[in-house]
Amino acid sequence: MSFQFKGVMPALTTKFTKDDTLDLALFEKNLDAQIAAGIDGIILGGTLGEASVLSISEKEQLVKFAIEKINGKIPVVLNIAEGSTRDAIHQAALGKQWGVQGLMLLPPMRYKSDHRETVTYFKEIAASTDLPIMIYNNPVDYKIDVTLEMFDELQSAKNITAVKESTRDITNVTRMINRFGDRYQILCGVDTIAMEALLMGAVGWVAGLVCAFPAETVAIYRLVKAGRNEEALKIHRWFLPLLELDIHPKLVQYIKLAEQETGIGNEIVRSPRLALEGDERKRILKIIHDGIATRPSLPDYLSIKI
């Protein structure tokens, strides 16, 4: 495999202009802030990236732009969330053609596949590409639980190497490690329990609020991995009200608003999503502004070698 899934990997938002076109200049500003903070890779076209409303040509534009700007510093991963196996295989081939280094793969969209169908779906996509694949296991939002028994069968697909663990059951990290050892790299996909998952043995964090607070996110990861848990815990306790914005159906609107308020994004979303207004916007702004006002001083986390 060309790389391993590990470290802090932001699920980046897609920036739009007021005219509803890609805002690549603002995307680059956020990307620069992420790289400066020490992230380990990026994921494009995920839930936060509003993948469901992006055209294939827009995905191509984003991927190629990111790869050019990153220039080999960190890997670029493309999310695949399709309704049919054929379309998913096609998207995987396009990702390879565009130059991504890995894929994140959701179960089939819109159809609740059973055990056999889910495993077959993953295996057929994996067989179509040599790119490393991270399975996105999020039964809370996507209604299909990728069970331990499924992961057992998926061991034969050698390029399925990781899982984005988003079941929200922290004990699942231990269950995976107890059953499979280091066969699958486990990355937490839920911001509010990421520190706990890292302490239980997860090797990475597919993060959301990192889009607005990259340094704090990377600091927690590196401090935990260095065994400096008390320092990490202080940051985590400050961060939690913000991290809770990641576990709401409007996480895209909430996190984009946070990006705007920290100066590395804007709150523009693509319909059917609508920007926040009224009391809801005031409430979320208060959480964000309270967090900014009490932002902690960070140790020299970039000097920590993992």
Protein backbone atom coordinates (compact mmCIF):
# COMPACT_ATOMS: atom_id res chain seq x y z
CA MET A 1 0.00 0.00 0.00
CA SER A 2 1.20 3.52 -0.72
CA PHE A 3 0.42 4.77 2.79
CA GLN A 4 -1.27 3.83 6.05
CA PHE A 5 -4.46 5.38 7.36
CA LYS A 6 -3.41 7.05 10.60
CA GLY A 7 -3.10 10.39 12.34
CA VAL A 8 -5.48 13.31 11.96
CA MET A 9 -7.31 13.20 8.64
CA PRO A 10 -9.81 16.04 8.23
CA ALA A 11 -13.02 15.38 6.35
CA LEU A 12 -12.80 18.73 4.60
CA THR A 13 -15.78 20.88 3.75
CA THR A 14 -16.34 22.00 0.18
CA LYS A 15 -16.22 25.77 -0.15
CA PHE A 16 -18.77 27.54 -2.36
CA THR A 17 -19.11 31.09 -3.63
CA LYS A 18 -22.30 33.11 -3.37
CA ASP A 19 -22.90 32.11 -7.01
CA ASP A 20 -22.88 28.42 -5.99
CA THR A 21 -19.61 27.53 -7.68
CA LEU A 22 -16.52 26.00 -6.08
CA ASP A 23 -14.52 28.55 -4.10
CA LEU A 24 -11.06 27.10 -4.65
CA ALA A 25 -9.26 30.14 -3.23
CA LEU A 26 -11.04 29.73 0.11
CA PHE A 27 -10.55 25.96 -0.03
CA GLU A 28 -6.82 26.57 -0.44
CA LYS A 29 -6.78 28.95 2.54
CA ASN A 30 -8.31 26.28 4.75
CA LEU A 31 -6.04 23.59 3.32
CA ASP A 32 -2.96 25.71 4.09
CA ALA A 33 -4.15 26.11 7.70
CA GLN A 34 -4.64 22.36 8.02
CA ILE A 35 -1.18 21.54 6.71
CA ALA A 36 0.44 24.18 8.92
CA ALA A 37 -1.28 22.60 11.94
CA GLY A 38 0.29 19.22 11.18
CA ILE A 39 -2.51 17.07 9.78
CA ASP A 40 -1.62 13.68 8.28
CA GLY A 41 -3.92 13.53 5.26
CA ILE A 42 -7.23 14.82 3.92
CA ILE A 43 -10.51 13.24 2.90
CA LEU A 44 -12.56 14.82 0.12
CA GLY A 45 -16.17 14.21 -0.82
CA GLY A 46 -17.41 13.02 2.55
CA THR A 47 -20.54 14.00 4.43
CA LEU A 48 -18.93 17.27 5.49
CA GLY A 49 -17.83 17.79 1.91
CA GLU A 50 -21.49 17.75 0.79
CA ALA A 51 -20.67 14.91 -1.60
CA SER A 52 -24.32 14.18 -2.34
CA VAL A 53 -24.71 17.52 -4.11
CA LEU A 54 -21.37 17.58 -5.94
CA SER A 55 -21.10 16.67 -9.61
CA ILE A 56 -18.38 14.28 -10.77
CA SER A 57 -16.65 17.15 -12.53
CA GLU A 58 -16.62 19.17 -9.29
CA LYS A 59 -15.14 16.22 -7.41
CA GLU A 60 -12.47 15.92 -10.07
CA GLN A 61 -11.70 19.63 -9.84
CA LEU A 62 -11.40 19.48 -6.05
CA VAL A 63 -9.21 16.38 -6.04
CA LYS A 64 -6.83 17.61 -8.71
CA PHE A 65 -6.60 21.06 -7.13
CA ALA A 66 -5.82 19.57 -3.71
CA ILE A 67 -3.21 17.17 -5.09
CA GLU A 68 -1.48 19.99 -6.94
CA LYS A 69 -1.40 22.28 -3.90
CA ILE A 70 -0.34 19.55 -1.47
CA ASN A 71 2.45 18.45 -3.81
CA GLY A 72 3.06 15.13 -2.07
CA LYS A 73 3.23 16.45 1.51
CA ILE A 74 0.27 14.37 2.72
CA PRO A 75 -2.08 11.83 1.10
CA VAL A 76 -5.42 12.70 -0.46
CA VAL A 77 -8.30 10.27 0.11
CA LEU A 78 -11.57 10.26 -1.85
CA ASN A 79 -14.84 9.20 -0.25
CA ILE A 80 -17.16 6.91 -2.20
CA ALA A 81 -20.87 6.96 -1.35
CA GLU A 82 -22.87 5.47 -4.21
CA GLY A 83 -26.12 3.64 -4.65
CA SER A 84 -24.85 0.88 -6.94
CA THR A 85 -21.77 -1.31 -7.07
CA ARG A 86 -21.19 -0.29 -10.68
CA ASP A 87 -21.17 3.42 -9.84
CA ALA A 88 -18.89 2.86 -6.85
CA ILE A 89 -16.39 0.91 -8.98
CA HIS A 90 -16.50 3.70 -11.56
CA GLN A 91 -15.85 6.32 -8.88
CA ALA A 92 -12.94 4.29 -7.52
CA ALA A 93 -11.44 4.13 -11.01
CA LEU A 94 -11.86 7.89 -11.43
CA GLY A 95 -10.19 8.50 -8.08
CA LYS A 96 -7.20 6.43 -9.17
CA GLN A 97 -7.09 8.33 -12.46
CA TRP A 98 -7.21 11.69 -10.66
CA GLY A 99 -4.30 10.69 -8.43
CA VAL A 100 -5.77 9.97 -4.97
CA GLN A 101 -3.74 7.78 -2.64
CA GLY A 102 -6.66 6.02 -0.94
CA LEU A 103 -10.42 5.58 -0.74
CA MET A 104 -12.98 5.82 2.04
CA LEU A 105 -15.93 3.57 1.30
CA LEU A 106 -19.48 3.69 2.63
CA PRO A 107 -21.97 0.82 2.34
CA PRO A 108 -24.56 1.16 -0.44
CA MET A 109 -26.61 4.32 -0.24
CA ARG A 110 -30.43 4.35 -0.19
CA TYR A 111 -30.72 0.53 0.03
CA LYS A 112 -30.24 -1.26 3.35
CA SER A 113 -28.15 -4.19 2.21
CA ASP A 114 -27.96 -7.35 4.30
CA HIS A 115 -24.80 -9.11 5.52
CA ARG A 116 -24.04 -10.97 2.28
CA GLU A 117 -24.83 -7.98 0.07
CA THR A 118 -22.72 -5.59 2.13
CA VAL A 119 -19.68 -7.85 2.15
CA THR A 120 -20.02 -8.56 -1.58
CA TYR A 121 -20.32 -4.84 -2.31
CA PHE A 122 -17.11 -4.04 -0.43
CA LYS A 123 -15.22 -7.01 -1.90
CA GLU A 124 -16.15 -6.21 -5.50
CA ILE A 125 -15.05 -2.60 -5.16
CA ALA A 126 -11.81 -3.61 -3.45
CA ALA A 127 -11.09 -6.13 -6.22
CA SER A 128 -11.48 -3.39 -8.83
CA THR A 129 -8.62 -1.22 -7.51
CA ASP A 130 -5.20 -1.42 -5.91
CA LEU A 131 -5.83 1.65 -3.76
CA PRO A 132 -5.98 1.14 0.02
CA ILE A 133 -9.53 1.34 1.37
CA MET A 134 -10.95 2.52 4.68
CA ILE A 135 -14.46 1.22 5.43
CA TYR A 136 -16.73 3.91 6.91
CA ASN A 137 -18.83 2.18 9.57
CA ASN A 138 -21.60 4.55 10.63
CA PRO A 139 -24.84 2.66 11.35
CA VAL A 140 -26.27 5.65 13.24
CA ASP A 141 -26.50 7.82 10.13
CA TYR A 142 -26.35 5.27 7.30
CA LYS A 143 -28.33 2.40 8.91
CA ILE A 144 -25.94 -0.43 7.98
CA ASP A 145 -23.72 -1.86 10.71
CA VAL A 146 -20.49 -3.35 9.40
CA THR A 147 -20.23 -6.10 12.00
CA LEU A 148 -17.22 -7.98 13.31
CA GLU A 149 -18.40 -10.96 11.29
CA MET A 150 -18.37 -8.85 8.13
CA PHE A 151 -14.87 -7.58 8.88
CA ASP A 152 -13.82 -11.21 9.36
CA GLU A 153 -14.92 -12.01 5.81
CA LEU A 154 -13.33 -8.82 4.48
CA GLN A 155 -9.88 -9.91 5.66
CA SER A 156 -9.41 -11.64 2.31
CA ALA A 157 -9.54 -8.22 0.59
CA LYS A 158 -5.96 -7.21 1.32
CA ASN A 159 -6.39 -3.57 0.29
CA ILE A 160 -9.20 -3.04 2.82
CA THR A 161 -6.83 -1.88 5.53
CA ALA A 162 -8.75 0.47 7.84
CA VAL A 163 -12.08 1.41 9.39
CA LYS A 164 -13.54 4.79 10.20
CA GLU A 165 -15.20 3.72 13.45
CA SER A 166 -18.38 5.77 13.85
CA THR A 167 -20.69 3.35 15.64
CA ARG A 168 -20.46 5.68 18.69
CA ASP A 169 -19.80 2.59 20.81
CA ILE A 170 -16.34 3.16 22.26
CA THR A 171 -16.06 -0.52 23.21
CA ASN A 172 -16.06 -1.41 19.51
CA VAL A 173 -12.44 -0.24 19.29
CA THR A 174 -11.43 -2.90 21.80
CA ARG A 175 -13.61 -5.53 20.14
CA MET A 176 -11.89 -4.88 16.79
CA ILE A 177 -8.42 -5.03 18.32
CA ASN A 178 -9.20 -8.14 20.36
CA ARG A 179 -10.47 -9.97 17.28
CA PHE A 180 -8.20 -8.69 14.53
CA GLY A 181 -5.09 -7.31 16.22
CA ASP A 182 -3.51 -4.78 13.86
CA ARG A 183 -5.14 -6.20 10.70
CA TYR A 184 -7.32 -3.08 10.46
CA GLN A 185 -6.16 0.42 11.31
CA ILE A 186 -8.89 2.01 13.43
CA LEU A 187 -9.63 5.72 13.07
CA CYS A 188 -12.32 7.38 15.16
CA GLY A 189 -14.97 9.15 13.11
CA VAL A 190 -16.90 10.81 15.94
CA ASP A 191 -15.32 13.98 17.32
CA THR A 192 -16.84 13.79 20.81
CA ILE A 193 -15.27 10.41 21.62
CA ALA A 194 -12.05 10.70 19.62
CA MET A 195 -9.79 11.10 22.65
CA GLU A 196 -11.34 8.06 24.28
CA ALA A 197 -10.92 6.04 21.08
CA LEU A 198 -7.26 7.04 20.82
CA LEU A 199 -6.69 5.94 24.41
CA MET A 200 -8.32 2.60 23.58
CA GLY A 201 -5.92 2.04 20.70
CA ALA A 202 -7.28 3.86 17.63
CA VAL A 203 -4.42 5.03 15.42
CA GLY A 204 -6.16 8.05 13.93
CA TRP A 205 -9.00 10.52 13.88
CA VAL A 206 -11.18 11.38 10.88
CA ALA A 207 -12.10 14.77 12.27
CA GLY A 208 -14.82 17.36 11.66
CA LEU A 209 -14.18 20.39 13.89
CA VAL A 210 -10.59 20.24 12.72
CA CYS A 211 -11.92 22.18 9.73
CA ALA A 212 -12.22 25.23 12.00
CA PHE A 213 -9.76 24.31 14.78
CA PRO A 214 -6.92 22.35 13.20
CA ALA A 215 -4.16 23.04 15.73
CA GLU A 216 -6.23 21.99 18.75
CA THR A 217 -7.29 18.77 17.02
CA VAL A 218 -3.77 17.75 16.06
CA ALA A 219 -2.48 18.72 19.51
CA ILE A 220 -4.90 16.32 21.22
CA TYR A 221 -3.91 13.49 18.89
CA ARG A 222 -0.17 13.95 19.31
CA LEU A 223 -0.33 14.49 23.05
CA VAL A 224 -2.35 11.31 23.56
CA LYS A 225 -0.01 9.30 21.37
CA ALA A 226 2.93 10.67 23.37
CA GLY A 227 1.27 9.64 26.65
CA ARG A 228 0.76 13.25 27.74
CA ASN A 229 -2.87 12.60 28.60
CA GLU A 230 -3.39 15.33 31.21
CA GLU A 231 -2.34 18.00 28.71
CA ALA A 232 -4.60 16.49 26.06
CA LEU A 233 -7.50 16.28 28.51
CA LYS A 234 -7.37 19.99 29.29
CA ILE A 235 -7.69 20.80 25.59
CA HIS A 236 -10.41 18.18 25.13
CA ARG A 237 -12.53 19.59 27.95
CA TRP A 238 -12.38 23.04 26.41
CA PHE A 239 -13.12 21.57 22.99
CA LEU A 240 -16.11 19.37 23.85
CA PRO A 241 -18.92 21.95 23.38
CA LEU A 242 -17.52 22.60 19.91
CA LEU A 243 -16.98 18.91 19.14
CA GLU A 244 -20.66 18.30 19.86
CA LEU A 245 -21.46 20.30 16.72
CA ASP A 246 -20.18 17.24 14.81
CA ILE A 247 -22.97 14.91 16.00
CA HIS A 248 -25.98 16.86 14.75
CA PRO A 249 -27.81 16.43 11.41
CA LYS A 250 -26.78 20.02 10.57
CA LEU A 251 -23.09 19.36 11.21
CA VAL A 252 -22.24 20.81 7.80
CA GLN A 253 -23.90 24.15 8.56
CA TYR A 254 -22.50 24.22 12.10
CA ILE A 255 -18.92 23.43 11.13
CA LYS A 256 -18.96 25.77 8.16
CA LEU A 257 -20.14 28.57 10.44
CA ALA A 258 -17.26 27.75 12.79
CA GLU A 259 -14.83 27.91 9.86
CA GLN A 260 -16.15 31.33 8.99
CA GLU A 261 -15.80 32.63 12.53
CA THR A 262 -12.20 31.38 12.78
CA GLY A 263 -11.35 33.02 9.48
CA ILE A 264 -10.67 29.96 7.32
CA GLY A 265 -13.99 29.38 5.60
CA ASN A 266 -17.51 30.63 5.02
CA GLU A 267 -20.99 29.46 5.95
CA ILE A 268 -22.26 29.00 2.40
CA VAL A 269 -23.87 25.60 1.84
CA ARG A 270 -25.50 24.09 -1.23
CA SER A 271 -29.26 23.51 -1.25
CA PRO A 272 -31.27 21.70 -0.07
CA ARG A 273 -29.16 22.70 2.93
CA LEU A 274 -29.76 26.28 4.02
CA ALA A 275 -27.54 28.58 6.06
CA LEU A 276 -28.55 28.95 9.69
CA GLU A 277 -30.78 31.80 10.80
CA GLY A 278 -32.68 33.12 13.79
CA ASP A 279 -32.33 31.64 17.27
CA GLU A 280 -30.57 28.54 15.99
CA ARG A 281 -27.80 30.61 14.40
CA LYS A 282 -27.45 32.72 17.56
CA ARG A 283 -27.16 29.60 19.69
CA ILE A 284 -24.48 28.01 17.53
CA LEU A 285 -22.60 31.30 17.23
CA LYS A 286 -22.52 31.57 21.01
CA ILE A 287 -20.92 28.13 21.30
CA ILE A 288 -18.35 29.06 18.66
CA HIS A 289 -17.59 32.50 20.09
CA ASP A 290 -17.31 31.13 23.64
CA GLY A 291 -14.81 28.60 22.33
CA ILE A 292 -12.78 31.22 20.48
CA ALA A 293 -12.75 33.52 23.52
CA THR A 294 -11.38 30.78 25.78
CA ARG A 295 -9.10 29.11 23.25
CA PRO A 296 -6.29 27.42 25.20
CA SER A 297 -2.58 27.98 24.76
CA LEU A 298 -1.07 24.90 23.17
CA PRO A 299 2.23 23.21 23.96
CA ASP A 300 4.77 22.71 21.20
CA TYR A 301 2.89 19.70 19.90
CA LEU A 302 4.48 19.84 16.44
CA SER A 303 7.79 18.78 17.97
CA ILE A 304 6.24 15.54 19.23
CA LYS A 305 7.37 12.60 17.13
CA ILE A 306 4.80 9.83 16.73
